[in-house]
Amino acid sequence: MAAALGVGPEPALLGLWADAAQVHALLLDRATGTPHLASVPVEGGAFPALSPARPAAAWFERMIHDLWGHHATGGTDARPWLDHGHWPATPPMAARPAPREGAPPHAVFLPATAPGLHILPLGPVRGGITAAAHLRLSCAGGRIVRAEARLGYTHRGIPLLMRGKSPRAAARFVARLAGEATVAHATAFARAAEAALDTEAPPRAAALRDAMLLMERTANHLGTLAAIAAAAGAASAAAECERAREMLARAAEAAFGHRMMMDAVVPGGLVADIAPDGVPAVRAAATAVLDALQAIGRRFAATDLAGIGCVEAGTAADFGAPDALAGDVAARAAARLRSAGEAAAALVPALADVPDGPLSVALPVGSGEGLAAAGSDPVWHWLRLDGGLIAACFPLDPGWLTWPVLEAALAGAAAEDASPIAASIGASVAGVDL
């Protein structure tokens, strides 16, 4: 399969991960929207590399080597990724981890060999509550020649913590994987567990999950738009976005007991019903957000973001990233405005169509394998159950595909435009650090 892929965007590679004995690749047929899961046994500690045909595979191959110790034969990049040299045993998810020996290695970045280049390191400590990520910019004068990211500074070992637990017990780890996508991760994981056990959540739970996903999608777009506006110096637009997002957060707390709707979704359904005053609260927030988006759109139209951080459509496709990341910062902001409006408009009818009935079903104790997605820029979860307990799992956040697009967007840009470009991509740190 690796040899047959060739060079090109089809099919798109969404993710690559492993367990102790196999490596798994998730590909997407864009024409039909059909996902395909391919698995290959690890032989002699190695597996065929996909990075020569799919550039996005390089980060996954580095992650697989760090966590499981499997080597990608023919891979384009073998540098450490998540492993910064501080784990007591390595590789931590191998069948037999060994104690670490020697001093922690220094981070290895691609060399800057062109004459006249200077290095501008951003992070990993960047002030405030910004997530820890290292972005190294190689600049010639005031223009970025190359950008390279390094993550893993907040790696928590969540796939290993989930192993050996029931899906219900593991759901708390999933909900805390990435705060901006707690509902998406929880829903994708729940659907994967239900698929592995040939079980479905009750219709009422499924409908409420969909409404929660719409709320989270709208809030995330508003948060990203606020970051773009703040980075571009448009303080009034940023304030409008934050005010609209706050309306949604308060409605979420009124409806589901938590501003981020954390721990509401579990395998089998939901832990609790929407509060009696939750439906009118969400409807009122959705209506207010739709009104606010009109004003936000006008403020963004007056902000000069055109021509900054351009990404070719083919570049985004090569990395398997969403089409909405193509274009410049202005185009990405416009795409987020449209998506936020669509999600907010869909909230009212979504809550009107919630059927009556139970909220959850008990999961049977069994074995199986499940794969499922949730969200508009899908979060994917894969797991394998053995006797009702998780034998292996992997949470696939879209951040894996958006960080390489950020590197491409920064190349050739002015260094002073790095902040609005990075904000417009909206790449997740926590979702990749696992």
Protein backbone atom coordinates (compact mmCIF):
# COMPACT_ATOMS: atom_id res chain seq x y z
CA MET A 1 0.00 0.00 0.00
CA ALA A 2 2.83 2.40 0.84
CA ALA A 3 4.32 1.88 -2.63
CA ALA A 4 0.94 2.23 -4.34
CA LEU A 5 0.02 5.55 -2.72
CA GLY A 6 2.31 7.56 -4.95
CA VAL A 7 2.63 11.31 -4.59
CA GLY A 8 -0.60 13.31 -4.44
CA PRO A 9 -3.46 14.22 -2.13
CA GLU A 10 -5.68 11.19 -2.71
CA PRO A 11 -6.45 9.34 -0.60
CA ALA A 12 -5.78 11.71 2.30
CA LEU A 13 -3.84 10.40 5.27
CA LEU A 14 -5.67 11.33 8.47
CA GLY A 15 -3.49 9.53 10.97
CA LEU A 16 -0.95 6.86 11.78
CA TRP A 17 -0.54 5.11 15.12
CA ALA A 18 0.48 1.80 16.64
CA ASP A 19 0.11 -0.76 19.35
CA ALA A 20 2.65 -3.28 20.57
CA ALA A 21 2.30 -5.53 17.50
CA GLN A 22 0.80 -3.47 14.66
CA VAL A 23 0.84 -0.07 12.98
CA HIS A 24 -2.46 1.41 11.78
CA ALA A 25 -3.11 4.02 9.08
CA LEU A 26 -6.37 5.91 8.63
CA LEU A 27 -7.00 7.22 5.12
CA LEU A 28 -9.94 9.13 3.68
CA ASP A 29 -11.45 8.92 0.22
CA ARG A 30 -12.42 12.59 -0.21
CA ALA A 31 -14.73 11.86 -3.16
CA THR A 32 -17.00 9.59 -1.13
CA GLY A 33 -16.09 10.61 2.43
CA THR A 34 -15.28 6.98 3.21
CA PRO A 35 -12.56 6.26 5.79
CA HIS A 36 -10.28 3.27 5.33
CA LEU A 37 -8.28 1.69 8.16
CA ALA A 38 -5.21 -0.31 7.16
CA SER A 39 -3.05 -2.29 9.60
CA VAL A 40 0.31 -3.99 9.16
CA PRO A 41 2.25 -6.18 11.60
CA VAL A 42 5.52 -4.85 12.97
CA GLU A 43 8.32 -7.15 11.82
CA GLY A 44 11.77 -6.89 13.34
CA GLY A 45 10.76 -3.68 15.08
CA ALA A 46 9.99 -1.93 11.76
CA PHE A 47 7.12 -1.04 9.43
CA PRO A 48 6.93 0.53 5.94
CA ALA A 49 7.11 4.34 6.04
CA LEU A 50 4.33 6.40 4.50
CA SER A 51 6.12 9.76 4.78
CA PRO A 52 7.75 9.59 1.31
CA ALA A 53 4.24 9.66 -0.22
CA ARG A 54 2.34 11.53 2.50
CA PRO A 55 4.36 14.33 4.20
CA ALA A 56 1.99 14.41 7.19
CA ALA A 57 3.06 10.87 8.09
CA ALA A 58 6.47 12.07 9.27
CA TRP A 59 5.19 13.47 12.57
CA PHE A 60 3.20 10.30 13.22
CA GLU A 61 6.21 8.10 12.45
CA ARG A 62 8.31 10.08 14.91
CA MET A 63 5.57 9.73 17.54
CA ILE A 64 5.30 5.97 16.94
CA HIS A 65 9.04 5.55 17.44
CA ASP A 66 8.96 7.61 20.65
CA LEU A 67 5.99 5.76 22.21
CA TRP A 68 6.27 2.21 20.86
CA GLY A 69 9.83 1.97 19.51
CA HIS A 70 8.79 0.88 16.01
CA HIS A 71 11.04 2.19 13.23
CA ALA A 72 9.61 3.55 9.96
CA THR A 73 11.70 1.96 7.21
CA GLY A 74 12.43 4.57 4.55
CA GLY A 75 10.95 7.42 6.59
CA THR A 76 11.85 11.02 5.85
CA ASP A 77 12.47 12.12 9.47
CA ALA A 78 13.63 10.05 12.44
CA ARG A 79 14.12 12.79 15.04
CA PRO A 80 12.40 12.49 18.44
CA TRP A 81 9.02 14.19 18.72
CA LEU A 82 7.19 13.57 22.00
CA ASP A 83 10.22 12.20 23.85
CA HIS A 84 12.27 15.03 25.30
CA GLY A 85 14.50 12.69 27.27
CA HIS A 86 12.77 12.87 30.66
CA TRP A 87 10.75 9.64 30.72
CA PRO A 88 12.05 7.09 33.24
CA ALA A 89 11.46 4.19 30.81
CA THR A 90 11.45 4.12 27.03
CA PRO A 91 9.66 3.46 24.82
CA PRO A 92 6.85 3.75 27.39
CA MET A 93 4.15 1.85 25.45
CA ALA A 94 6.33 -0.99 24.23
CA ALA A 95 5.66 -4.53 25.42
CA ARG A 96 8.83 -4.31 27.56
CA PRO A 97 9.95 -0.72 28.27
CA ALA A 98 13.57 -0.38 29.32
CA PRO A 99 15.03 2.07 31.88
CA ARG A 100 16.39 5.20 30.25
CA GLU A 101 20.15 5.55 30.19
CA GLY A 102 22.26 8.60 29.47
CA ALA A 103 21.61 12.33 29.54
CA PRO A 104 18.47 13.82 27.96
CA PRO A 105 19.12 14.79 24.33
CA HIS A 106 18.87 18.34 23.08
CA ALA A 107 16.02 19.20 20.73
CA VAL A 108 17.12 18.66 17.14
CA PHE A 109 15.91 21.15 14.55
CA LEU A 110 16.60 21.27 10.85
CA PRO A 111 19.87 23.15 10.24
CA ALA A 112 19.82 26.72 8.97
CA THR A 113 22.50 26.68 6.26
CA ALA A 114 21.68 29.63 3.99
CA PRO A 115 23.90 32.69 4.47
CA GLY A 116 22.54 35.61 6.43
CA LEU A 117 19.87 33.66 8.31
CA HIS A 118 19.08 34.33 11.95
CA ILE A 119 16.96 32.19 14.25
CA LEU A 120 13.91 33.52 16.07
CA PRO A 121 12.82 30.96 18.70
CA LEU A 122 9.25 31.28 20.00
CA GLY A 123 8.53 29.14 23.06
CA PRO A 124 8.07 26.64 24.50
CA VAL A 125 7.30 29.05 27.37
CA ARG A 126 5.41 31.91 25.75
CA GLY A 127 3.80 33.73 28.66
CA GLY A 128 0.25 33.89 29.97
CA ILE A 129 -1.70 30.65 29.68
CA THR A 130 -0.51 29.90 26.15
CA ALA A 131 0.17 26.20 25.60
CA ALA A 132 3.79 25.06 25.55
CA ALA A 133 5.05 24.73 21.98
CA HIS A 134 8.35 25.62 20.37
CA LEU A 135 8.16 27.40 17.02
CA ARG A 136 11.56 28.08 15.47
CA LEU A 137 11.63 30.68 12.70
CA SER A 138 14.63 30.94 10.36
CA CYS A 139 14.57 34.51 9.07
CA ALA A 140 16.42 36.51 6.45
CA GLY A 141 16.02 40.13 7.47
CA GLY A 142 12.39 40.48 8.46
CA ARG A 143 11.07 37.58 6.36
CA ILE A 144 10.56 33.97 7.49
CA VAL A 145 12.42 31.49 5.31
CA ARG A 146 11.39 28.39 7.24
CA ALA A 147 9.27 27.59 10.28
CA GLU A 148 9.58 24.42 12.32
CA ALA A 149 7.46 23.34 15.27
CA ARG A 150 8.37 21.03 18.13
CA LEU A 151 5.74 19.82 20.58
CA GLY A 152 5.56 17.21 23.33
CA TYR A 153 6.40 19.52 26.23
CA THR A 154 3.08 18.73 27.95
CA HIS A 155 2.83 15.06 27.03
CA ARG A 156 0.68 13.27 29.63
CA GLY A 157 0.68 9.68 28.41
CA ILE A 158 -3.12 9.57 28.05
CA PRO A 159 -3.24 6.47 25.75
CA LEU A 160 -1.21 4.56 28.32
CA LEU A 161 -3.38 5.81 31.20
CA MET A 162 -6.48 4.60 29.34
CA ARG A 163 -5.11 1.12 28.74
CA GLY A 164 -6.62 -1.53 30.99
CA LYS A 165 -9.62 0.59 31.95
CA SER A 166 -13.27 0.26 31.01
CA PRO A 167 -14.59 2.73 28.43
CA ARG A 168 -16.63 4.50 31.10
CA ALA A 169 -13.57 4.94 33.35
CA ALA A 170 -11.37 6.05 30.44
CA ALA A 171 -13.87 8.68 29.32
CA ARG A 172 -12.60 11.13 31.98
CA PHE A 173 -9.12 11.07 30.42
CA VAL A 174 -10.56 11.64 26.95
CA ALA A 175 -12.60 14.65 28.09
CA ARG A 176 -9.41 16.29 29.35
CA LEU A 177 -7.29 15.61 26.30
CA ALA A 178 -7.93 19.02 24.66
CA GLY A 179 -10.12 21.57 26.41
CA GLU A 180 -11.23 23.28 23.22
CA ALA A 181 -12.60 19.98 21.90
CA THR A 182 -13.75 18.15 25.01
CA VAL A 183 -17.18 17.31 23.51
CA ALA A 184 -15.72 16.25 20.17
CA HIS A 185 -13.16 13.94 21.78
CA ALA A 186 -15.68 12.53 24.24
CA THR A 187 -18.24 11.90 21.49
CA ALA A 188 -15.77 10.30 19.07
CA PHE A 189 -14.47 8.04 21.85
CA ALA A 190 -17.98 7.10 22.97
CA ARG A 191 -19.01 6.27 19.41
CA ALA A 192 -15.88 4.16 18.92
CA ALA A 193 -16.56 2.21 22.13
CA GLU A 194 -20.19 1.71 21.11
CA ALA A 195 -19.11 0.53 17.65
CA ALA A 196 -16.64 -1.94 19.17
CA LEU A 197 -19.45 -3.46 21.22
CA ASP A 198 -22.14 -3.19 18.50
CA THR A 199 -24.17 -0.83 20.69
CA GLU A 200 -25.88 2.48 19.95
CA ALA A 201 -26.59 5.41 22.22
CA PRO A 202 -30.31 6.16 22.69
CA PRO A 203 -31.79 8.66 20.18
CA ARG A 204 -32.21 11.36 22.83
CA ALA A 205 -28.56 11.11 23.86
CA ALA A 206 -27.43 11.16 20.23
CA ALA A 207 -29.48 14.29 19.49
CA LEU A 208 -28.18 16.12 22.56
CA ARG A 209 -24.61 15.14 21.65
CA ASP A 210 -25.13 16.74 18.23
CA ALA A 211 -26.40 19.94 19.83
CA MET A 212 -23.41 20.05 22.17
CA LEU A 213 -21.06 19.60 19.22
CA LEU A 214 -22.69 22.56 17.48
CA MET A 215 -22.23 24.70 20.58
CA GLU A 216 -18.58 23.71 20.91
CA ARG A 217 -17.94 24.30 17.21
CA THR A 218 -19.44 27.80 17.40
CA ALA A 219 -17.48 28.65 20.55
CA ASN A 220 -14.20 27.42 19.08
CA HIS A 221 -14.60 29.49 15.93
CA LEU A 222 -15.38 32.55 18.04
CA GLY A 223 -12.29 31.91 20.15
CA THR A 224 -10.09 31.60 17.07
CA LEU A 225 -11.59 34.74 15.53
CA ALA A 226 -10.90 36.60 18.78
CA ALA A 227 -7.26 35.46 18.66
CA ILE A 228 -6.92 36.57 15.02
CA ALA A 229 -8.41 39.96 15.79
CA ALA A 230 -6.24 40.47 18.87
CA ALA A 231 -3.10 39.52 16.94
CA ALA A 232 -4.05 41.92 14.15
CA GLY A 233 -4.64 44.77 16.60
CA ALA A 234 -8.43 44.83 16.13
CA ALA A 235 -9.34 45.03 19.80
CA SER A 236 -13.01 45.83 19.24
CA ALA A 237 -13.52 42.78 17.00
CA ALA A 238 -11.74 40.57 19.55
CA ALA A 239 -14.00 41.89 22.32
CA GLU A 240 -17.13 41.18 20.25
CA CYS A 241 -15.97 37.60 19.65
CA GLU A 242 -15.18 37.01 23.32
CA ARG A 243 -18.54 38.46 24.37
CA ALA A 244 -20.38 36.12 22.00
CA ARG A 245 -18.35 33.14 23.18
CA GLU A 246 -19.14 34.02 26.79
CA MET A 247 -22.86 33.87 25.98
CA LEU A 248 -22.42 30.31 24.73
CA ALA A 249 -20.34 29.30 27.76
CA ARG A 250 -23.03 30.55 30.15
CA ALA A 251 -25.72 28.77 28.15
CA ALA A 252 -23.68 25.56 28.24
CA GLU A 253 -23.36 25.82 32.02
CA ALA A 254 -27.10 26.40 32.37
CA ALA A 255 -27.93 23.49 30.08
CA PHE A 256 -25.29 20.88 30.96
CA GLY A 257 -23.74 22.05 34.25
CA HIS A 258 -20.33 22.96 32.87
CA ARG A 259 -19.08 25.84 30.71
CA MET A 260 -17.14 23.40 28.50
CA MET A 261 -19.72 20.60 28.86
CA MET A 262 -17.00 18.37 30.28
CA ASP A 263 -17.85 14.81 31.40
CA ALA A 264 -21.37 15.04 29.96
CA VAL A 265 -20.76 12.54 27.13
CA VAL A 266 -19.85 8.96 28.05
CA PRO A 267 -19.87 5.65 26.17
CA GLY A 268 -23.49 4.54 26.08
CA GLY A 269 -25.03 8.02 26.08
CA LEU A 270 -25.03 10.97 28.48
CA VAL A 271 -24.60 11.21 32.24
CA ALA A 272 -27.50 13.64 32.70
CA ASP A 273 -30.32 15.26 30.77
CA ILE A 274 -30.33 18.87 29.64
CA ALA A 275 -31.62 21.14 32.40
CA PRO A 276 -35.25 22.34 32.17
CA ASP A 277 -34.13 25.92 31.53
CA GLY A 278 -31.28 24.76 29.29
CA VAL A 279 -33.17 24.76 26.00
CA PRO A 280 -34.34 28.39 26.23
CA ALA A 281 -30.87 29.43 27.43
CA VAL A 282 -29.17 27.81 24.43
CA ARG A 283 -31.75 29.20 22.01
CA ALA A 284 -31.28 32.70 23.37
CA ALA A 285 -27.49 32.37 23.16
CA ALA A 286 -27.66 31.06 19.57
CA THR A 287 -29.86 33.96 18.51
CA ALA A 288 -27.57 36.48 20.20
CA VAL A 289 -24.49 34.90 18.58
CA LEU A 290 -26.08 35.10 15.14
CA ASP A 291 -26.71 38.82 15.68
CA ALA A 292 -23.18 39.31 16.97
CA LEU A 293 -21.65 37.54 13.97
CA GLN A 294 -23.09 40.19 11.68
CA ALA A 295 -21.22 42.92 13.57
CA ILE A 296 -18.09 40.77 13.84
CA GLY A 297 -18.12 40.21 10.09
CA ARG A 298 -18.23 43.96 9.46
CA ARG A 299 -15.34 44.57 11.84
CA PHE A 300 -13.24 41.88 10.16
CA ALA A 301 -14.03 43.36 6.74
CA ALA A 302 -12.35 46.56 7.93
CA THR A 303 -9.23 44.69 9.10
CA ASP A 304 -6.34 44.33 6.64
CA LEU A 305 -5.62 40.59 6.65
CA ALA A 306 -5.53 39.92 2.92
CA GLY A 307 -2.36 38.42 1.44
CA ILE A 308 -0.98 37.30 4.81
CA GLY A 309 -0.03 33.68 5.45
CA CYS A 310 -1.18 32.27 2.13
CA VAL A 311 -1.59 28.49 1.89
CA GLU A 312 -2.16 26.83 -1.46
CA ALA A 313 -5.13 24.47 -1.62
CA GLY A 314 -2.81 21.71 -2.78
CA THR A 315 -0.55 22.23 0.24
CA ALA A 316 -3.43 21.78 2.68
CA ALA A 317 -4.58 18.70 0.75
CA ASP A 318 -1.07 17.20 0.80
CA PHE A 319 -1.19 17.25 4.60
CA GLY A 320 -4.77 15.94 4.74
CA ALA A 321 -5.87 19.19 6.39
CA PRO A 322 -9.34 20.76 5.95
CA ASP A 323 -9.91 22.83 2.82
CA ALA A 324 -10.90 25.79 5.02
CA LEU A 325 -7.21 26.27 5.93
CA ALA A 326 -6.34 27.21 2.34
CA GLY A 327 -6.02 30.84 1.34
CA ASP A 328 -4.79 33.78 3.40
CA VAL A 329 -5.67 34.91 6.92
CA ALA A 330 -8.66 36.86 5.62
CA ALA A 331 -10.01 33.78 3.82
CA ARG A 332 -9.57 31.59 6.89
CA ALA A 333 -11.33 34.18 9.08
CA ALA A 334 -14.20 34.36 6.59
CA ALA A 335 -14.47 30.56 6.55
CA ARG A 336 -14.66 30.49 10.34
CA LEU A 337 -17.32 33.20 10.34
CA ARG A 338 -19.43 31.16 7.91
CA SER A 339 -18.96 27.94 9.87
CA ALA A 340 -19.81 29.63 13.17
CA GLY A 341 -22.96 31.07 11.64
CA GLU A 342 -24.01 27.70 10.20
CA ALA A 343 -23.48 25.96 13.55
CA ALA A 344 -25.32 28.63 15.55
CA ALA A 345 -28.23 28.62 13.07
CA ALA A 346 -28.47 24.82 13.33
CA LEU A 347 -28.69 24.90 17.13
CA VAL A 348 -32.32 25.98 17.40
CA PRO A 349 -33.77 23.28 15.11
CA ALA A 350 -31.43 20.71 16.64
CA LEU A 351 -32.88 21.30 20.09
CA ALA A 352 -36.44 21.34 18.70
CA ASP A 353 -35.98 17.81 17.32
CA VAL A 354 -34.69 16.10 20.47
CA PRO A 355 -36.81 12.96 21.00
CA ASP A 356 -37.98 11.70 24.36
CA GLY A 357 -36.56 8.55 25.85
CA PRO A 358 -33.66 7.21 27.93
CA LEU A 359 -30.28 8.94 28.07
CA SER A 360 -27.95 5.96 28.22
CA VAL A 361 -27.61 2.22 27.84
CA ALA A 362 -25.33 -0.14 29.70
CA LEU A 363 -22.37 -1.31 27.66
CA PRO A 364 -22.01 -5.08 27.39
CA VAL A 365 -18.76 -6.70 28.49
CA GLY A 366 -17.13 -7.88 25.32
CA SER A 367 -14.26 -7.60 22.86
CA GLY A 368 -14.04 -5.72 19.59
CA GLU A 369 -12.50 -2.88 17.63
CA GLY A 370 -14.11 0.49 17.00
CA LEU A 371 -13.35 3.62 14.99
CA ALA A 372 -15.47 6.78 15.00
CA ALA A 373 -15.36 10.52 14.37
CA ALA A 374 -17.07 13.64 15.71
CA GLY A 375 -16.99 17.34 14.89
CA SER A 376 -16.73 19.37 11.71
CA ASP A 377 -12.91 19.12 11.52
CA PRO A 378 -13.20 15.57 12.68
CA VAL A 379 -11.69 14.19 15.85
CA TRP A 380 -11.16 10.44 15.40
CA HIS A 381 -10.85 7.76 18.06
CA TRP A 382 -9.79 4.17 17.62
CA LEU A 383 -9.81 1.52 20.31
CA ARG A 384 -9.61 -2.21 20.79
CA LEU A 385 -11.45 -3.83 23.70
CA ASP A 386 -10.55 -7.14 25.28
CA GLY A 387 -13.04 -8.49 27.80
CA GLY A 388 -14.60 -5.05 28.26
CA LEU A 389 -11.27 -3.31 28.94
CA ILE A 390 -9.19 -1.14 26.63
CA ALA A 391 -6.31 -3.15 25.18
CA ALA A 392 -5.14 -0.35 22.86
CA CYS A 393 -6.42 3.07 21.82
CA PHE A 394 -5.45 6.24 20.00
CA PRO A 395 -7.08 9.72 19.99
CA LEU A 396 -6.53 11.47 16.67
CA ASP A 397 -6.85 15.25 16.96
CA PRO A 398 -6.92 17.44 13.81
CA GLY A 399 -3.96 19.34 15.28
CA TRP A 400 -1.71 16.64 13.81
CA LEU A 401 -2.67 17.88 10.34
CA THR A 402 -2.88 21.62 11.01
CA TRP A 403 0.58 22.15 12.53
CA PRO A 404 2.37 21.25 9.26
CA VAL A 405 0.02 23.66 7.46
CA LEU A 406 1.07 26.38 9.92
CA GLU A 407 4.72 25.74 9.05
CA ALA A 408 3.84 26.12 5.36
CA ALA A 409 1.79 29.28 6.00
CA LEU A 410 4.66 30.97 7.84
CA ALA A 411 7.27 30.23 5.17
CA GLY A 412 7.80 33.40 3.16
CA ALA A 413 5.75 35.61 5.48
CA ALA A 414 6.96 38.69 7.33
CA ALA A 415 8.05 37.88 10.87
CA GLU A 416 5.72 40.56 12.24
CA ASP A 417 2.75 38.65 10.75
CA ALA A 418 3.55 35.38 12.54
CA SER A 419 0.98 35.94 15.31
CA PRO A 420 -2.13 36.50 13.13
CA ILE A 421 -1.07 33.66 10.83
CA ALA A 422 -0.68 31.24 13.73
CA ALA A 423 -3.99 32.36 15.21
CA SER A 424 -5.81 31.82 11.92
CA ILE A 425 -4.60 28.21 11.66
CA GLY A 426 -5.69 27.46 15.24
CA ALA A 427 -3.51 24.37 15.69
CA SER A 428 -4.10 22.47 18.94
CA VAL A 429 -1.14 21.77 21.20
CA ALA A 430 -2.84 19.55 23.78
CA GLY A 431 -4.47 17.38 21.12
CA VAL A 432 -1.05 16.48 19.69
CA ASP A 433 0.88 16.22 22.95
CA LEU A 434 -1.43 13.38 24.14
